[in-house]
């Protein structure tokens, strides 16, 4: 796929399956495992990637600033109070990250909450998350940080949390996705593509760090000045 991107954009799911000796349904499942709703969305993303010009170093700094500015602009329009109140009153606050970068930023967020006097649990691993979900109630709060919000491997766990009426906060990139459809609270952040010498393209996810930092600072303000 990496070596034949241009060809893939011209193929249907059936034609792509024939090329790799697989079925149309297998191609669809592959696309979903990669975070897309289906083959068509994956093909569109590949096409957009091919059309994206490589940024100059100056553009990379401008892109970083743009992500930060857009996330701050969005945050200025959000009413954080219902979520802050939920964080304050929850019996347990659990934080789960769906990826490496998300986990790093979530650790900082978890630490900020501790420094504000709010104990919390940073859950690692899909199996642990699924097991712990069976013990949670409507008195708890789960915060999930994600990129696409469409991670297939945790969707059954999310559905279980909904059945048990466990409050859920999603933190994802802008756009409609499975996670924010099933969350009581939704927060968003800006993401952009960046060139990389290691992979074809990387993701600038500084917006996730920004929105989590804003939330933790809002919570600290509430604890210090508003209670």
C-alpha atoms as a PDB file:
ATOM      1  CA  UNK A   1       0.000   0.000   0.000  1.00  0.00           C
ATOM      2  CA  UNK A   2       2.779   2.421   0.871  1.00  0.00           C
ATOM      3  CA  UNK A   3       4.547   1.795  -2.407  1.00  0.00           C
ATOM      4  CA  UNK A   4       1.438   1.926  -4.636  1.00  0.00           C
ATOM      5  CA  UNK A   5      -0.690   4.758  -3.258  1.00  0.00           C
ATOM      6  CA  UNK A   6      -1.485   6.310  -6.619  1.00  0.00           C
ATOM      7  CA  UNK A   7      -2.675   2.988  -8.043  1.00  0.00           C
ATOM      8  CA  UNK A   8      -4.897   2.315  -5.007  1.00  0.00           C
ATOM      9  CA  UNK A   9      -6.818   5.564  -5.535  1.00  0.00           C
ATOM     10  CA  UNK A  10      -7.923   4.254  -8.941  1.00  0.00           C
ATOM     11  CA  UNK A  11      -9.102   0.839  -7.735  1.00  0.00           C
ATOM     12  CA  UNK A  12     -12.459  -0.276  -6.360  1.00  0.00           C
ATOM     13  CA  UNK A  13     -12.526  -2.468  -3.258  1.00  0.00           C
ATOM     14  CA  UNK A  14     -13.106  -5.533  -5.451  1.00  0.00           C
ATOM     15  CA  UNK A  15     -10.206  -4.645  -7.763  1.00  0.00           C
ATOM     16  CA  UNK A  16      -7.916  -3.966  -4.808  1.00  0.00           C
ATOM     17  CA  UNK A  17      -8.908  -7.299  -3.289  1.00  0.00           C
ATOM     18  CA  UNK A  18      -8.042  -9.103  -6.532  1.00  0.00           C
ATOM     19  CA  UNK A  19      -4.633  -7.433  -6.560  1.00  0.00           C
ATOM     20  CA  UNK A  20      -3.799  -8.745  -3.085  1.00  0.00           C
ATOM     21  CA  UNK A  21      -5.649 -12.057  -3.438  1.00  0.00           C
ATOM     22  CA  UNK A  22      -8.278 -11.151  -0.876  1.00  0.00           C
ATOM     23  CA  UNK A  23     -12.013 -10.505  -0.670  1.00  0.00           C
ATOM     24  CA  UNK A  24     -13.907  -7.199  -0.690  1.00  0.00           C
ATOM     25  CA  UNK A  25     -15.024  -7.769   2.929  1.00  0.00           C
ATOM     26  CA  UNK A  26     -11.420  -8.367   4.018  1.00  0.00           C
ATOM     27  CA  UNK A  27     -10.379  -5.081   2.403  1.00  0.00           C
ATOM     28  CA  UNK A  28     -13.211  -3.310   4.214  1.00  0.00           C
ATOM     29  CA  UNK A  29     -12.116  -4.807   7.548  1.00  0.00           C
ATOM     30  CA  UNK A  30      -8.533  -3.738   6.848  1.00  0.00           C
ATOM     31  CA  UNK A  31      -9.676  -0.154   6.268  1.00  0.00           C
ATOM     32  CA  UNK A  32     -11.654  -0.200   9.529  1.00  0.00           C
ATOM     33  CA  UNK A  33      -8.655  -1.511  11.471  1.00  0.00           C
ATOM     34  CA  UNK A  34      -6.688   1.431  10.108  1.00  0.00           C
ATOM     35  CA  UNK A  35      -9.279   3.817  11.584  1.00  0.00           C
ATOM     36  CA  UNK A  36     -11.529   4.429   8.555  1.00  0.00           C
ATOM     37  CA  UNK A  37     -15.225   3.715   8.181  1.00  0.00           C
ATOM     38  CA  UNK A  38     -14.552   1.734   5.019  1.00  0.00           C
ATOM     39  CA  UNK A  39     -12.438   1.356   1.899  1.00  0.00           C
ATOM     40  CA  UNK A  40     -13.897   4.447   0.218  1.00  0.00           C
ATOM     41  CA  UNK A  41     -12.887   6.682   3.123  1.00  0.00           C
ATOM     42  CA  UNK A  42      -9.418   5.108   3.205  1.00  0.00           C
ATOM     43  CA  UNK A  43      -8.984   5.648  -0.543  1.00  0.00           C
ATOM     44  CA  UNK A  44     -10.064   9.285  -0.175  1.00  0.00           C
ATOM     45  CA  UNK A  45      -7.536   9.817   2.626  1.00  0.00           C
ATOM     46  CA  UNK A  46      -4.767   8.317   0.484  1.00  0.00           C
ATOM     47  CA  UNK A  47      -5.747  10.578  -2.415  1.00  0.00           C
ATOM     48  CA  UNK A  48      -5.707  13.647  -0.157  1.00  0.00           C
ATOM     49  CA  UNK A  49      -2.308  12.607   1.147  1.00  0.00           C
ATOM     50  CA  UNK A  50      -0.953  12.436  -2.404  1.00  0.00           C
ATOM     51  CA  UNK A  51      -2.245  15.922  -3.144  1.00  0.00           C
ATOM     52  CA  UNK A  52      -0.757  17.492  -0.024  1.00  0.00           C
ATOM     53  CA  UNK A  53       2.360  19.487  -0.797  1.00  0.00           C
ATOM     54  CA  UNK A  54       5.412  18.989   1.405  1.00  0.00           C
ATOM     55  CA  UNK A  55       5.677  21.877   3.859  1.00  0.00           C
ATOM     56  CA  UNK A  56       8.757  23.990   4.292  1.00  0.00           C
ATOM     57  CA  UNK A  57      10.259  24.389   7.801  1.00  0.00           C
ATOM     58  CA  UNK A  58       8.619  27.822   8.095  1.00  0.00           C
ATOM     59  CA  UNK A  59       5.265  26.293   7.184  1.00  0.00           C
ATOM     60  CA  UNK A  60       5.676  23.667   9.913  1.00  0.00           C
ATOM     61  CA  UNK A  61       5.988  26.352  12.562  1.00  0.00           C
ATOM     62  CA  UNK A  62       2.984  28.152  11.094  1.00  0.00           C
ATOM     63  CA  UNK A  63       1.028  24.887  11.148  1.00  0.00           C
ATOM     64  CA  UNK A  64       1.922  24.348  14.803  1.00  0.00           C
ATOM     65  CA  UNK A  65       0.732  27.852  15.690  1.00  0.00           C
ATOM     66  CA  UNK A  66      -2.450  27.353  13.664  1.00  0.00           C
ATOM     67  CA  UNK A  67      -3.313  24.157  15.529  1.00  0.00           C
ATOM     68  CA  UNK A  68      -2.783  25.862  18.866  1.00  0.00           C
ATOM     69  CA  UNK A  69      -4.755  28.966  17.865  1.00  0.00           C
ATOM     70  CA  UNK A  70      -7.677  26.961  16.463  1.00  0.00           C
ATOM     71  CA  UNK A  71      -7.868  24.783  19.571  1.00  0.00           C
ATOM     72  CA  UNK A  72      -7.826  27.841  21.838  1.00  0.00           C
ATOM     73  CA  UNK A  73     -10.496  29.515  19.699  1.00  0.00           C
ATOM     74  CA  UNK A  74     -12.680  26.422  19.987  1.00  0.00           C
ATOM     75  CA  UNK A  75     -12.091  26.221  23.754  1.00  0.00           C
ATOM     76  CA  UNK A  76     -13.202  29.827  24.184  1.00  0.00           C
ATOM     77  CA  UNK A  77     -16.657  28.782  22.959  1.00  0.00           C
ATOM     78  CA  UNK A  78     -16.998  25.687  25.177  1.00  0.00           C
ATOM     79  CA  UNK A  79     -18.944  25.599  28.417  1.00  0.00           C
ATOM     80  CA  UNK A  80     -16.585  23.492  30.537  1.00  0.00           C
ATOM     81  CA  UNK A  81     -18.630  23.790  33.742  1.00  0.00           C
ATOM     82  CA  UNK A  82     -20.795  20.634  33.404  1.00  0.00           C
ATOM     83  CA  UNK A  83     -17.694  18.505  32.775  1.00  0.00           C
ATOM     84  CA  UNK A  84     -15.727  20.201  35.542  1.00  0.00           C
ATOM     85  CA  UNK A  85     -18.575  19.539  37.965  1.00  0.00           C
ATOM     86  CA  UNK A  86     -18.639  15.902  36.856  1.00  0.00           C
ATOM     87  CA  UNK A  87     -14.879  15.592  37.449  1.00  0.00           C
ATOM     88  CA  UNK A  88     -15.264  17.116  40.901  1.00  0.00           C
ATOM     89  CA  UNK A  89     -18.187  14.975  42.051  1.00  0.00           C
ATOM     90  CA  UNK A  90     -17.280  11.637  40.447  1.00  0.00           C
ATOM     91  CA  UNK A  91     -16.481   8.791  42.793  1.00  0.00           C
ATOM     92  CA  UNK A  92     -13.683   7.669  40.467  1.00  0.00           C
ATOM     93  CA  UNK A  93     -12.138   9.408  37.459  1.00  0.00           C
ATOM     94  CA  UNK A  94     -10.562   7.074  34.924  1.00  0.00           C
ATOM     95  CA  UNK A  95      -8.481   8.203  31.943  1.00  0.00           C
ATOM     96  CA  UNK A  96      -7.856   5.959  28.954  1.00  0.00           C
ATOM     97  CA  UNK A  97      -5.733   6.772  25.888  1.00  0.00           C
ATOM     98  CA  UNK A  98      -5.991   4.931  22.577  1.00  0.00           C
ATOM     99  CA  UNK A  99      -2.448   5.597  21.338  1.00  0.00           C
ATOM    100  CA  UNK A 100       1.146   6.432  22.263  1.00  0.00           C
ATOM    101  CA  UNK A 101       0.952  10.209  21.839  1.00  0.00           C
ATOM    102  CA  UNK A 102      -2.480  10.317  23.446  1.00  0.00           C
ATOM    103  CA  UNK A 103      -1.081   8.406  26.428  1.00  0.00           C
ATOM    104  CA  UNK A 104       1.815  10.827  26.877  1.00  0.00           C
ATOM    105  CA  UNK A 105      -0.481  13.843  26.942  1.00  0.00           C
ATOM    106  CA  UNK A 106      -2.961  11.987  29.173  1.00  0.00           C
ATOM    107  CA  UNK A 107      -0.203  11.356  31.720  1.00  0.00           C
ATOM    108  CA  UNK A 108       0.396  15.098  31.979  1.00  0.00           C
ATOM    109  CA  UNK A 109      -3.353  15.668  32.324  1.00  0.00           C
ATOM    110  CA  UNK A 110      -3.620  13.000  35.024  1.00  0.00           C
ATOM    111  CA  UNK A 111      -0.740  14.581  36.929  1.00  0.00           C
ATOM    112  CA  UNK A 112      -2.338  18.040  36.675  1.00  0.00           C
ATOM    113  CA  UNK A 113      -5.547  16.664  38.194  1.00  0.00           C
ATOM    114  CA  UNK A 114      -3.570  15.097  41.055  1.00  0.00           C
ATOM    115  CA  UNK A 115      -1.918  18.478  41.728  1.00  0.00           C
ATOM    116  CA  UNK A 116      -5.403  19.978  41.920  1.00  0.00           C
ATOM    117  CA  UNK A 117      -6.442  17.411  44.522  1.00  0.00           C
ATOM    118  CA  UNK A 118      -8.439  15.187  42.145  1.00  0.00           C
ATOM    119  CA  UNK A 119      -7.348  11.521  42.422  1.00  0.00           C
ATOM    120  CA  UNK A 120      -7.643   9.595  39.169  1.00  0.00           C
ATOM    121  CA  UNK A 121      -6.597   6.400  37.458  1.00  0.00           C
ATOM    122  CA  UNK A 122      -4.718   6.261  34.146  1.00  0.00           C
ATOM    123  CA  UNK A 123      -5.698   2.951  32.559  1.00  0.00           C
ATOM    124  CA  UNK A 124      -3.228   1.199  30.253  1.00  0.00           C
ATOM    125  CA  UNK A 125      -4.177  -1.535  27.799  1.00  0.00           C
ATOM    126  CA  UNK A 126      -7.427  -2.477  26.092  1.00  0.00           C
ATOM    127  CA  UNK A 127      -7.871  -5.648  28.184  1.00  0.00           C
ATOM    128  CA  UNK A 128      -7.481  -3.741  31.460  1.00  0.00           C
ATOM    129  CA  UNK A 129      -9.909  -1.099  30.232  1.00  0.00           C
ATOM    130  CA  UNK A 130     -12.487  -3.746  29.349  1.00  0.00           C
ATOM    131  CA  UNK A 131     -12.112  -5.532  32.706  1.00  0.00           C
ATOM    132  CA  UNK A 132     -12.376  -2.336  34.749  1.00  0.00           C
ATOM    133  CA  UNK A 133     -15.422  -1.185  32.781  1.00  0.00           C
ATOM    134  CA  UNK A 134     -17.469  -3.970  34.412  1.00  0.00           C
ATOM    135  CA  UNK A 135     -16.895  -2.419  37.854  1.00  0.00           C
ATOM    136  CA  UNK A 136     -17.912   1.156  36.992  1.00  0.00           C
ATOM    137  CA  UNK A 137     -21.219   2.828  37.819  1.00  0.00           C
ATOM    138  CA  UNK A 138     -23.073   6.054  37.112  1.00  0.00           C
ATOM    139  CA  UNK A 139     -21.109   7.655  39.967  1.00  0.00           C
ATOM    140  CA  UNK A 140     -17.815   7.380  38.052  1.00  0.00           C
ATOM    141  CA  UNK A 141     -16.399   9.239  35.051  1.00  0.00           C
ATOM    142  CA  UNK A 142     -14.349   7.904  32.135  1.00  0.00           C
ATOM    143  CA  UNK A 143     -12.290  10.262  29.959  1.00  0.00           C
ATOM    144  CA  UNK A 144     -11.003   8.813  26.680  1.00  0.00           C
ATOM    145  CA  UNK A 145      -8.373  10.567  24.573  1.00  0.00           C
ATOM    146  CA  UNK A 146      -8.270   9.479  20.945  1.00  0.00           C
ATOM    147  CA  UNK A 147      -7.269  10.643  17.477  1.00  0.00           C
ATOM    148  CA  UNK A 148     -10.005   9.356  15.178  1.00  0.00           C
ATOM    149  CA  UNK A 149     -12.509   8.323  17.854  1.00  0.00           C
ATOM    150  CA  UNK A 150     -13.173   5.154  15.856  1.00  0.00           C
ATOM    151  CA  UNK A 151     -10.913   2.577  17.525  1.00  0.00           C
ATOM    152  CA  UNK A 152     -12.722  -0.701  16.846  1.00  0.00           C
ATOM    153  CA  UNK A 153     -11.167  -2.681  19.691  1.00  0.00           C
ATOM    154  CA  UNK A 154     -12.791  -0.578  22.434  1.00  0.00           C
ATOM    155  CA  UNK A 155     -16.225  -0.070  20.902  1.00  0.00           C
ATOM    156  CA  UNK A 156     -17.838  -2.951  22.815  1.00  0.00           C
ATOM    157  CA  UNK A 157     -16.401  -1.541  26.034  1.00  0.00           C
ATOM    158  CA  UNK A 158     -17.880   1.860  25.196  1.00  0.00           C
ATOM    159  CA  UNK A 159     -21.270   0.256  24.578  1.00  0.00           C
ATOM    160  CA  UNK A 160     -21.063  -1.506  27.961  1.00  0.00           C
ATOM    161  CA  UNK A 161     -20.312   1.810  29.683  1.00  0.00           C
ATOM    162  CA  UNK A 162     -23.385   3.301  27.992  1.00  0.00           C
ATOM    163  CA  UNK A 163     -25.564   0.388  29.119  1.00  0.00           C
ATOM    164  CA  UNK A 164     -24.368   0.868  32.700  1.00  0.00           C
ATOM    165  CA  UNK A 165     -24.917   4.642  32.385  1.00  0.00           C
ATOM    166  CA  UNK A 166     -21.302   5.474  33.183  1.00  0.00           C
ATOM    167  CA  UNK A 167     -20.612   9.138  32.264  1.00  0.00           C
ATOM    168  CA  UNK A 168     -18.136   9.344  29.418  1.00  0.00           C
ATOM    169  CA  UNK A 169     -16.060  12.216  28.019  1.00  0.00           C
ATOM    170  CA  UNK A 170     -14.511  11.904  24.558  1.00  0.00           C
ATOM    171  CA  UNK A 171     -11.495  13.962  23.487  1.00  0.00           C
ATOM    172  CA  UNK A 172     -10.933  13.563  19.739  1.00  0.00           C
ATOM    173  CA  UNK A 173      -9.989  15.457  16.612  1.00  0.00           C
ATOM    174  CA  UNK A 174     -12.749  17.559  15.065  1.00  0.00           C
ATOM    175  CA  UNK A 175     -15.372  15.530  13.247  1.00  0.00           C
ATOM    176  CA  UNK A 176     -18.148  13.049  13.847  1.00  0.00           C
ATOM    177  CA  UNK A 177     -16.988   9.661  15.147  1.00  0.00           C
ATOM    178  CA  UNK A 178     -18.095   6.630  17.153  1.00  0.00           C
ATOM    179  CA  UNK A 179     -16.648   7.838  20.434  1.00  0.00           C
ATOM    180  CA  UNK A 180     -18.260  11.270  20.539  1.00  0.00           C
ATOM    181  CA  UNK A 181     -21.566   9.729  19.411  1.00  0.00           C
ATOM    182  CA  UNK A 182     -21.528   7.626  22.603  1.00  0.00           C
ATOM    183  CA  UNK A 183     -20.157  10.242  25.029  1.00  0.00           C
ATOM    184  CA  UNK A 184     -21.972  12.496  27.490  1.00  0.00           C
ATOM    185  CA  UNK A 185     -19.292  15.177  27.106  1.00  0.00           C
ATOM    186  CA  UNK A 186     -17.280  15.938  23.976  1.00  0.00           C
ATOM    187  CA  UNK A 187     -14.066  17.905  23.564  1.00  0.00           C
ATOM    188  CA  UNK A 188     -12.220  18.422  20.278  1.00  0.00           C
ATOM    189  CA  UNK A 189      -8.793  19.500  19.075  1.00  0.00           C
ATOM    190  CA  UNK A 190      -7.128  20.480  15.818  1.00  0.00           C
ATOM    191  CA  UNK A 191      -4.864  18.022  13.958  1.00  0.00           C
ATOM    192  CA  UNK A 192      -2.691  18.549  10.880  1.00  0.00           C
ATOM    193  CA  UNK A 193      -0.413  16.417   8.725  1.00  0.00           C
ATOM    194  CA  UNK A 194       3.350  16.891   8.986  1.00  0.00           C
ATOM    195  CA  UNK A 195       6.105  15.368   6.837  1.00  0.00           C
ATOM    196  CA  UNK A 196       8.420  12.891   8.521  1.00  0.00           C
ATOM    197  CA  UNK A 197      11.749  11.288   7.567  1.00  0.00           C
ATOM    198  CA  UNK A 198      10.597   8.058   9.241  1.00  0.00           C
ATOM    199  CA  UNK A 199       7.005   7.567   8.019  1.00  0.00           C
ATOM    200  CA  UNK A 200       5.085   8.838   4.998  1.00  0.00           C
ATOM    201  CA  UNK A 201       3.204  11.412   7.056  1.00  0.00           C
ATOM    202  CA  UNK A 202       2.904  12.224  10.721  1.00  0.00           C
ATOM    203  CA  UNK A 203       0.211  13.870  12.800  1.00  0.00           C
ATOM    204  CA  UNK A 204       0.649  17.131  14.657  1.00  0.00           C
ATOM    205  CA  UNK A 205      -1.412  16.442  17.796  1.00  0.00           C
ATOM    206  CA  UNK A 206      -0.306  19.391  19.924  1.00  0.00           C
ATOM    207  CA  UNK A 207      -3.982  20.393  20.014  1.00  0.00           C
ATOM    208  CA  UNK A 208      -4.701  17.408  22.276  1.00  0.00           C
ATOM    209  CA  UNK A 209      -2.138  18.631  24.774  1.00  0.00           C
ATOM    210  CA  UNK A 210      -3.657  22.111  24.587  1.00  0.00           C
ATOM    211  CA  UNK A 211      -7.284  21.078  25.163  1.00  0.00           C
ATOM    212  CA  UNK A 212      -6.328  18.775  28.061  1.00  0.00           C
ATOM    213  CA  UNK A 213      -4.219  21.535  29.593  1.00  0.00           C
ATOM    214  CA  UNK A 214      -7.099  23.987  29.274  1.00  0.00           C
ATOM    215  CA  UNK A 215      -9.432  21.501  30.972  1.00  0.00           C
ATOM    216  CA  UNK A 216      -7.001  20.876  33.832  1.00  0.00           C
ATOM    217  CA  UNK A 217      -6.442  24.613  34.317  1.00  0.00           C
ATOM    218  CA  UNK A 218     -10.190  25.257  34.264  1.00  0.00           C
ATOM    219  CA  UNK A 219     -10.602  22.583  36.913  1.00  0.00           C
ATOM    220  CA  UNK A 220      -7.866  24.110  39.076  1.00  0.00           C
ATOM    221  CA  UNK A 221      -9.481  27.547  38.777  1.00  0.00           C
ATOM    222  CA  UNK A 222     -12.779  26.031  39.899  1.00  0.00           C
ATOM    223  CA  UNK A 223     -11.193  24.346  42.917  1.00  0.00           C
ATOM    224  CA  UNK A 224      -9.174  27.400  43.946  1.00  0.00           C
ATOM    225  CA  UNK A 225     -11.562  30.242  43.275  1.00  0.00           C
ATOM    226  CA  UNK A 226     -15.130  29.164  42.489  1.00  0.00           C
ATOM    227  CA  UNK A 227     -16.099  26.574  45.081  1.00  0.00           C
END
